[in-house]
């Protein structure tokens, strides 16, 4: 609910971005599994396989994920701000 000042009521649910949540679940799973195939990541996260591939492609492009053979793992040097 929006108050007179244009602010959302504190009881309202926050706005969450589903694709960001899925990407973070994927990153957590890669960390826990110490690398895994896309199929394995889809299975452990419950994210559909085509979505896993799209997220992995994006994370790879941005330098967060590396592929070794058929397995994906977090990059050794994550491109985080210093």
PDB file of N, CA and C in Angstrom:
ATOM      1  N   UNK A   1       0.838  -1.173   0.000  1.00  0.00           N
ATOM      2  CA  UNK A   1       0.000   0.000   0.000  1.00  0.00           C
ATOM      3  C   UNK A   1       0.883   1.236   0.000  1.00  0.00           C
ATOM      4  N   UNK A   2       0.503   2.266  -0.769  1.00  0.00           N
ATOM      5  CA  UNK A   2       1.272   3.503  -0.860  1.00  0.00           C
ATOM      6  C   UNK A   2       0.637   4.531   0.061  1.00  0.00           C
ATOM      7  N   UNK A   3       1.471   5.200   0.849  1.00  0.00           N
ATOM      8  CA  UNK A   3       0.978   6.235   1.755  1.00  0.00           C
ATOM      9  C   UNK A   3       0.875   7.549   1.016  1.00  0.00           C
ATOM     10  N   UNK A   4       0.361   8.584   1.709  1.00  0.00           N
ATOM     11  CA  UNK A   4       0.198   9.897   1.084  1.00  0.00           C
ATOM     12  C   UNK A   4       1.508  10.469   0.558  1.00  0.00           C
ATOM     13  N   UNK A   5       2.617  10.128   1.182  1.00  0.00           N
ATOM     14  CA  UNK A   5       3.915  10.648   0.753  1.00  0.00           C
ATOM     15  C   UNK A   5       4.513   9.886  -0.409  1.00  0.00           C
ATOM     16  N   UNK A   6       3.771   8.929  -0.964  1.00  0.00           N
ATOM     17  CA  UNK A   6       4.280   8.162  -2.104  1.00  0.00           C
ATOM     18  C   UNK A   6       5.177   7.007  -1.688  1.00  0.00           C
ATOM     19  N   UNK A   7       5.316   6.779  -0.386  1.00  0.00           N
ATOM     20  CA  UNK A   7       6.162   5.705   0.127  1.00  0.00           C
ATOM     21  C   UNK A   7       5.353   4.421   0.235  1.00  0.00           C
ATOM     22  N   UNK A   8       5.981   3.293   0.057  1.00  0.00           N
ATOM     23  CA  UNK A   8       5.311   2.015   0.262  1.00  0.00           C
ATOM     24  C   UNK A   8       5.197   1.757   1.750  1.00  0.00           C
ATOM     25  N   UNK A   9       4.109   1.127   2.141  1.00  0.00           N
ATOM     26  CA  UNK A   9       3.890   0.734   3.516  1.00  0.00           C
ATOM     27  C   UNK A   9       4.976  -0.261   3.924  1.00  0.00           C
ATOM     28  N   UNK A  10       5.452  -0.209   5.152  1.00  0.00           N
ATOM     29  CA  UNK A  10       6.521  -1.102   5.594  1.00  0.00           C
ATOM     30  C   UNK A  10       6.077  -2.557   5.643  1.00  0.00           C
ATOM     31  N   UNK A  11       4.756  -2.809   5.645  1.00  0.00           N
ATOM     32  CA  UNK A  11       4.251  -4.179   5.660  1.00  0.00           C
ATOM     33  C   UNK A  11       4.242  -4.807   4.271  1.00  0.00           C
ATOM     34  N   UNK A  12       4.509  -4.027   3.232  1.00  0.00           N
ATOM     35  CA  UNK A  12       4.485  -4.539   1.864  1.00  0.00           C
ATOM     36  C   UNK A  12       5.683  -5.442   1.622  1.00  0.00           C
ATOM     37  N   UNK A  13       5.489  -6.395   0.736  1.00  0.00           N
ATOM     38  CA  UNK A  13       6.592  -7.265   0.341  1.00  0.00           C
ATOM     39  C   UNK A  13       7.556  -6.472  -0.537  1.00  0.00           C
ATOM     40  N   UNK A  14       8.865  -6.733  -0.390  1.00  0.00           N
ATOM     41  CA  UNK A  14       9.833  -6.026  -1.228  1.00  0.00           C
ATOM     42  C   UNK A  14       9.730  -6.497  -2.681  1.00  0.00           C
ATOM     43  N   UNK A  15      10.146  -5.649  -3.591  1.00  0.00           N
ATOM     44  CA  UNK A  15      10.199  -6.019  -4.995  1.00  0.00           C
ATOM     45  C   UNK A  15      11.466  -6.832  -5.211  1.00  0.00           C
ATOM     46  N   UNK A  16      11.309  -8.056  -5.681  1.00  0.00           N
ATOM     47  CA  UNK A  16      12.445  -8.950  -5.910  1.00  0.00           C
ATOM     48  C   UNK A  16      12.519  -9.290  -7.389  1.00  0.00           C
ATOM     49  N   UNK A  17      13.726  -9.426  -7.883  1.00  0.00           N
ATOM     50  CA  UNK A  17      13.960  -9.751  -9.279  1.00  0.00           C
ATOM     51  C   UNK A  17      14.263 -11.252  -9.366  1.00  0.00           C
ATOM     52  N   UNK A  18      13.333 -11.989  -9.962  1.00  0.00           N
ATOM     53  CA  UNK A  18      13.448 -13.438 -10.031  1.00  0.00           C
ATOM     54  C   UNK A  18      14.701 -13.928 -10.721  1.00  0.00           C
ATOM     55  N   UNK A  19      15.102 -13.273 -11.809  1.00  0.00           N
ATOM     56  CA  UNK A  19      16.285 -13.737 -12.535  1.00  0.00           C
ATOM     57  C   UNK A  19      17.549 -13.572 -11.697  1.00  0.00           C
ATOM     58  N   UNK A  20      17.588 -12.536 -10.871  1.00  0.00           N
ATOM     59  CA  UNK A  20      18.743 -12.339  -9.983  1.00  0.00           C
ATOM     60  C   UNK A  20      18.747 -13.430  -8.919  1.00  0.00           C
ATOM     61  N   UNK A  21      17.584 -13.746  -8.380  1.00  0.00           N
ATOM     62  CA  UNK A  21      17.493 -14.820  -7.392  1.00  0.00           C
ATOM     63  C   UNK A  21      17.951 -16.157  -7.987  1.00  0.00           C
ATOM     64  N   UNK A  22      17.521 -16.444  -9.211  1.00  0.00           N
ATOM     65  CA  UNK A  22      17.924 -17.698  -9.862  1.00  0.00           C
ATOM     66  C   UNK A  22      19.428 -17.718 -10.116  1.00  0.00           C
ATOM     67  N   UNK A  23      19.986 -16.613 -10.563  1.00  0.00           N
ATOM     68  CA  UNK A  23      21.436 -16.548 -10.816  1.00  0.00           C
ATOM     69  C   UNK A  23      22.213 -16.775  -9.523  1.00  0.00           C
ATOM     70  N   UNK A  24      21.742 -16.207  -8.430  1.00  0.00           N
ATOM     71  CA  UNK A  24      22.422 -16.392  -7.148  1.00  0.00           C
ATOM     72  C   UNK A  24      22.312 -17.837  -6.662  1.00  0.00           C
ATOM     73  N   UNK A  25      21.149 -18.474  -6.864  1.00  0.00           N
ATOM     74  CA  UNK A  25      21.015 -19.900  -6.527  1.00  0.00           C
ATOM     75  C   UNK A  25      22.002 -20.738  -7.334  1.00  0.00           C
ATOM     76  N   UNK A  26      22.177 -20.366  -8.582  1.00  0.00           N
ATOM     77  CA  UNK A  26      23.118 -21.079  -9.453  1.00  0.00           C
ATOM     78  C   UNK A  26      24.554 -20.898  -8.958  1.00  0.00           C
ATOM     79  N   UNK A  27      24.922 -19.681  -8.598  1.00  0.00           N
ATOM     80  CA  UNK A  27      26.266 -19.410  -8.064  1.00  0.00           C
ATOM     81  C   UNK A  27      26.487 -20.200  -6.774  1.00  0.00           C
ATOM     82  N   UNK A  28      25.501 -20.207  -5.893  1.00  0.00           N
ATOM     83  CA  UNK A  28      25.621 -20.963  -4.649  1.00  0.00           C
ATOM     84  C   UNK A  28      25.789 -22.452  -4.918  1.00  0.00           C
ATOM     85  N   UNK A  29      25.049 -22.974  -5.882  1.00  0.00           N
ATOM     86  CA  UNK A  29      25.144 -24.395  -6.222  1.00  0.00           C
ATOM     87  C   UNK A  29      26.509 -24.722  -6.819  1.00  0.00           C
ATOM     88  N   UNK A  30      27.031 -23.860  -7.679  1.00  0.00           N
ATOM     89  CA  UNK A  30      28.361 -24.104  -8.249  1.00  0.00           C
ATOM     90  C   UNK A  30      29.406 -24.128  -7.148  1.00  0.00           C
ATOM     91  N   UNK A  31      29.266 -23.239  -6.175  1.00  0.00           N
ATOM     92  CA  UNK A  31      30.203 -23.206  -5.053  1.00  0.00           C
ATOM     93  C   UNK A  31      30.092 -24.494  -4.229  1.00  0.00           C
ATOM     94  N   UNK A  32      28.871 -24.891  -3.900  1.00  0.00           N
ATOM     95  CA  UNK A  32      28.652 -26.088  -3.082  1.00  0.00           C
ATOM     96  C   UNK A  32      29.118 -27.355  -3.790  1.00  0.00           C
ATOM     97  N   UNK A  33      28.908 -27.418  -5.100  1.00  0.00           N
ATOM     98  CA  UNK A  33      29.258 -28.603  -5.878  1.00  0.00           C
ATOM     99  C   UNK A  33      30.712 -28.567  -6.348  1.00  0.00           C
ATOM    100  N   UNK A  34      31.382 -27.443  -6.158  1.00  0.00           N
ATOM    101  CA  UNK A  34      32.749 -27.238  -6.663  1.00  0.00           C
ATOM    102  C   UNK A  34      32.815 -27.480  -8.163  1.00  0.00           C
ATOM    103  N   UNK A  35      31.810 -26.948  -8.852  1.00  0.00           N
ATOM    104  CA  UNK A  35      31.698 -27.125 -10.297  1.00  0.00           C
ATOM    105  C   UNK A  35      30.770 -28.281 -10.615  1.00  0.00           C
ATOM    106  N   UNK A  36      30.004 -28.121 -11.669  1.00  0.00           N
ATOM    107  CA  UNK A  36      29.051 -29.177 -12.048  1.00  0.00           C
ATOM    108  C   UNK A  36      28.580 -28.934 -13.472  1.00  0.00           C
ATOM    109  N   UNK A  37      27.994 -29.956 -14.051  1.00  0.00           N
ATOM    110  CA  UNK A  37      27.409 -29.810 -15.381  1.00  0.00           C
ATOM    111  C   UNK A  37      26.134 -28.966 -15.277  1.00  0.00           C
ATOM    112  N   UNK A  38      25.701 -28.432 -16.394  1.00  0.00           N
ATOM    113  CA  UNK A  38      24.471 -27.649 -16.420  1.00  0.00           C
ATOM    114  C   UNK A  38      23.290 -28.513 -15.975  1.00  0.00           C
ATOM    115  N   UNK A  39      23.281 -29.754 -16.397  1.00  0.00           N
ATOM    116  CA  UNK A  39      22.194 -30.662 -16.029  1.00  0.00           C
ATOM    117  C   UNK A  39      22.160 -30.877 -14.515  1.00  0.00           C
ATOM    118  N   UNK A  40      23.313 -31.073 -13.914  1.00  0.00           N
ATOM    119  CA  UNK A  40      23.396 -31.251 -12.456  1.00  0.00           C
ATOM    120  C   UNK A  40      22.947 -29.975 -11.745  1.00  0.00           C
ATOM    121  N   UNK A  41      23.372 -28.815 -12.241  1.00  0.00           N
ATOM    122  CA  UNK A  41      22.979 -27.545 -11.623  1.00  0.00           C
ATOM    123  C   UNK A  41      21.474 -27.338 -11.715  1.00  0.00           C
ATOM    124  N   UNK A  42      20.882 -27.723 -12.839  1.00  0.00           N
ATOM    125  CA  UNK A  42      19.430 -27.619 -12.987  1.00  0.00           C
ATOM    126  C   UNK A  42      18.734 -28.519 -11.973  1.00  0.00           C
ATOM    127  N   UNK A  43      19.267 -29.710 -11.793  1.00  0.00           N
ATOM    128  CA  UNK A  43      18.664 -30.664 -10.870  1.00  0.00           C
ATOM    129  C   UNK A  43      18.737 -30.172  -9.423  1.00  0.00           C
ATOM    130  N   UNK A  44      19.899 -29.674  -8.995  1.00  0.00           N
ATOM    131  CA  UNK A  44      20.046 -29.288  -7.586  1.00  0.00           C
ATOM    132  C   UNK A  44      19.371 -27.954  -7.258  1.00  0.00           C
ATOM    133  N   UNK A  45      19.204 -27.101  -8.251  1.00  0.00           N
ATOM    134  CA  UNK A  45      18.576 -25.801  -7.991  1.00  0.00           C
ATOM    135  C   UNK A  45      17.089 -25.780  -8.280  1.00  0.00           C
ATOM    136  N   UNK A  46      16.631 -26.725  -9.114  1.00  0.00           N
ATOM    137  CA  UNK A  46      15.229 -26.708  -9.527  1.00  0.00           C
ATOM    138  C   UNK A  46      14.949 -25.691 -10.622  1.00  0.00           C
ATOM    139  N   UNK A  47      16.003 -25.136 -11.203  1.00  0.00           N
ATOM    140  CA  UNK A  47      15.865 -24.169 -12.298  1.00  0.00           C
ATOM    141  C   UNK A  47      15.805 -24.959 -13.606  1.00  0.00           C
ATOM    142  N   UNK A  48      14.872 -24.640 -14.499  1.00  0.00           N
ATOM    143  CA  UNK A  48      14.798 -25.363 -15.780  1.00  0.00           C
ATOM    144  C   UNK A  48      16.127 -25.292 -16.544  1.00  0.00           C
ATOM    145  N   UNK A  49      16.487 -26.407 -17.187  1.00  0.00           N
ATOM    146  CA  UNK A  49      17.764 -26.510 -17.891  1.00  0.00           C
ATOM    147  C   UNK A  49      17.992 -25.378 -18.904  1.00  0.00           C
ATOM    148  N   UNK A  50      17.012 -25.007 -19.743  1.00  0.00           N
ATOM    149  CA  UNK A  50      17.265 -23.893 -20.677  1.00  0.00           C
ATOM    150  C   UNK A  50      17.610 -22.581 -19.947  1.00  0.00           C
ATOM    151  N   UNK A  51      16.959 -22.347 -18.806  1.00  0.00           N
ATOM    152  CA  UNK A  51      17.250 -21.146 -18.028  1.00  0.00           C
ATOM    153  C   UNK A  51      18.649 -21.213 -17.445  1.00  0.00           C
ATOM    154  N   UNK A  52      19.042 -22.397 -16.976  1.00  0.00           N
ATOM    155  CA  UNK A  52      20.400 -22.582 -16.450  1.00  0.00           C
ATOM    156  C   UNK A  52      21.417 -22.229 -17.523  1.00  0.00           C
ATOM    157  N   UNK A  53      21.198 -22.709 -18.755  1.00  0.00           N
ATOM    158  CA  UNK A  53      22.133 -22.391 -19.838  1.00  0.00           C
ATOM    159  C   UNK A  53      22.191 -20.886 -20.110  1.00  0.00           C
ATOM    160  N   UNK A  54      21.052 -20.221 -20.106  1.00  0.00           N
ATOM    161  CA  UNK A  54      21.044 -18.766 -20.337  1.00  0.00           C
ATOM    162  C   UNK A  54      21.788 -18.030 -19.226  1.00  0.00           C
ATOM    163  N   UNK A  55      21.551 -18.427 -17.998  1.00  0.00           N
ATOM    164  CA  UNK A  55      22.230 -17.781 -16.872  1.00  0.00           C
ATOM    165  C   UNK A  55      23.731 -18.060 -16.907  1.00  0.00           C
ATOM    166  N   UNK A  56      24.116 -19.301 -17.206  1.00  0.00           N
ATOM    167  CA  UNK A  56      25.541 -19.637 -17.286  1.00  0.00           C
ATOM    168  C   UNK A  56      26.230 -18.856 -18.401  1.00  0.00           C
ATOM    169  N   UNK A  57      25.548 -18.695 -19.516  1.00  0.00           N
ATOM    170  CA  UNK A  57      26.123 -17.919 -20.623  1.00  0.00           C
ATOM    171  C   UNK A  57      26.382 -16.480 -20.187  1.00  0.00           C
ATOM    172  N   UNK A  58      25.418 -15.896 -19.493  1.00  0.00           N
ATOM    173  CA  UNK A  58      25.568 -14.518 -19.020  1.00  0.00           C
ATOM    174  C   UNK A  58      26.674 -14.422 -17.972  1.00  0.00           C
ATOM    175  N   UNK A  59      26.674 -15.332 -17.010  1.00  0.00           N
ATOM    176  CA  UNK A  59      27.704 -15.313 -15.968  1.00  0.00           C
ATOM    177  C   UNK A  59      29.093 -15.550 -16.556  1.00  0.00           C
ATOM    178  N   UNK A  60      29.183 -16.387 -17.582  1.00  0.00           N
ATOM    179  CA  UNK A  60      30.468 -16.615 -18.261  1.00  0.00           C
ATOM    180  C   UNK A  60      30.920 -15.359 -18.991  1.00  0.00           C
ATOM    181  N   UNK A  61      29.999 -14.738 -19.699  1.00  0.00           N
ATOM    182  CA  UNK A  61      30.321 -13.508 -20.443  1.00  0.00           C
ATOM    183  C   UNK A  61      30.843 -12.415 -19.506  1.00  0.00           C
ATOM    184  N   UNK A  62      30.275 -12.348 -18.309  1.00  0.00           N
ATOM    185  CA  UNK A  62      30.663 -11.320 -17.339  1.00  0.00           C
ATOM    186  C   UNK A  62      31.891 -11.705 -16.516  1.00  0.00           C
ATOM    187  N   UNK A  63      32.410 -12.919 -16.729  1.00  0.00           N
ATOM    188  CA  UNK A  63      33.643 -13.334 -16.067  1.00  0.00           C
ATOM    189  C   UNK A  63      33.467 -14.009 -14.716  1.00  0.00           C
ATOM    190  N   UNK A  64      32.247 -14.383 -14.357  1.00  0.00           N
ATOM    191  CA  UNK A  64      32.003 -15.012 -13.067  1.00  0.00           C
ATOM    192  C   UNK A  64      32.083 -16.530 -13.107  1.00  0.00           C
ATOM    193  N   UNK A  65      31.958 -17.106 -14.288  1.00  0.00           N
ATOM    194  CA  UNK A  65      31.914 -18.560 -14.439  1.00  0.00           C
ATOM    195  C   UNK A  65      32.876 -18.978 -15.538  1.00  0.00           C
ATOM    196  N   UNK A  66      33.529 -20.107 -15.310  1.00  0.00           N
ATOM    197  CA  UNK A  66      34.410 -20.698 -16.326  1.00  0.00           C
ATOM    198  C   UNK A  66      33.913 -22.101 -16.623  1.00  0.00           C
ATOM    199  N   UNK A  67      34.153 -22.536 -17.838  1.00  0.00           N
ATOM    200  CA  UNK A  67      33.760 -23.887 -18.242  1.00  0.00           C
ATOM    201  C   UNK A  67      35.015 -24.721 -18.417  1.00  0.00           C
ATOM    202  N   UNK A  68      35.002 -25.894 -17.813  1.00  0.00           N
ATOM    203  CA  UNK A  68      36.104 -26.853 -17.960  1.00  0.00           C
ATOM    204  C   UNK A  68      35.494 -28.158 -18.452  1.00  0.00           C
ATOM    205  N   UNK A  69      35.700 -28.448 -19.714  1.00  0.00           N
ATOM    206  CA  UNK A  69      35.064 -29.625 -20.297  1.00  0.00           C
ATOM    207  C   UNK A  69      33.563 -29.418 -20.274  1.00  0.00           C
ATOM    208  N   UNK A  70      32.841 -30.313 -19.635  1.00  0.00           N
ATOM    209  CA  UNK A  70      31.391 -30.174 -19.541  1.00  0.00           C
ATOM    210  C   UNK A  70      30.923 -29.536 -18.246  1.00  0.00           C
ATOM    211  N   UNK A  71      31.868 -29.193 -17.362  1.00  0.00           N
ATOM    212  CA  UNK A  71      31.488 -28.646 -16.058  1.00  0.00           C
ATOM    213  C   UNK A  71      31.670 -27.128 -16.013  1.00  0.00           C
ATOM    214  N   UNK A  72      30.810 -26.501 -15.251  1.00  0.00           N
ATOM    215  CA  UNK A  72      30.894 -25.062 -15.014  1.00  0.00           C
ATOM    216  C   UNK A  72      31.316 -24.846 -13.563  1.00  0.00           C
ATOM    217  N   UNK A  73      32.177 -23.865 -13.356  1.00  0.00           N
ATOM    218  CA  UNK A  73      32.595 -23.538 -11.991  1.00  0.00           C
ATOM    219  C   UNK A  73      32.797 -22.038 -11.888  1.00  0.00           C
ATOM    220  N   UNK A  74      32.832 -21.567 -10.651  1.00  0.00           N
ATOM    221  CA  UNK A  74      33.080 -20.148 -10.447  1.00  0.00           C
ATOM    222  C   UNK A  74      34.492 -19.820 -10.882  1.00  0.00           C
ATOM    223  N   UNK A  75      34.676 -18.661 -11.462  1.00  0.00           N
ATOM    224  CA  UNK A  75      35.993 -18.217 -11.904  1.00  0.00           C
ATOM    225  C   UNK A  75      36.901 -18.052 -10.697  1.00  0.00           C
ATOM    226  N   UNK A  76      38.197 -18.320 -10.890  1.00  0.00           N
ATOM    227  CA  UNK A  76      39.156 -18.173  -9.797  1.00  0.00           C
ATOM    228  C   UNK A  76      39.225 -16.738  -9.315  1.00  0.00           C
ATOM    229  N   UNK A  77      39.202 -15.807 -10.236  1.00  0.00           N
ATOM    230  CA  UNK A  77      39.296 -14.390  -9.895  1.00  0.00           C
ATOM    231  C   UNK A  77      37.999 -13.714 -10.324  1.00  0.00           C
ATOM    232  N   UNK A  78      37.074 -13.620  -9.389  1.00  0.00           N
ATOM    233  CA  UNK A  78      35.791 -13.016  -9.688  1.00  0.00           C
ATOM    234  C   UNK A  78      35.964 -11.529  -9.942  1.00  0.00           C
ATOM    235  N   UNK A  79      35.283 -11.002 -10.953  1.00  0.00           N
ATOM    236  CA  UNK A  79      35.417  -9.584 -11.308  1.00  0.00           C
ATOM    237  C   UNK A  79      34.601  -8.678 -10.380  1.00  0.00           C
ATOM    238  N   UNK A  80      34.992  -8.671  -9.098  1.00  0.00           N
ATOM    239  CA  UNK A  80      34.272  -7.854  -8.124  1.00  0.00           C
ATOM    240  C   UNK A  80      34.963  -6.502  -7.971  1.00  0.00           C
ATOM    241  N   UNK A  81      34.203  -5.492  -7.635  1.00  0.00           N
ATOM    242  CA  UNK A  81      34.776  -4.158  -7.427  1.00  0.00           C
ATOM    243  C   UNK A  81      35.730  -4.205  -6.239  1.00  0.00           C
ATOM    244  N   UNK A  82      36.830  -3.466  -6.357  1.00  0.00           N
ATOM    245  CA  UNK A  82      37.790  -3.459  -5.249  1.00  0.00           C
ATOM    246  C   UNK A  82      37.679  -2.197  -4.439  1.00  0.00           C
TER     247      UNK A  82
END
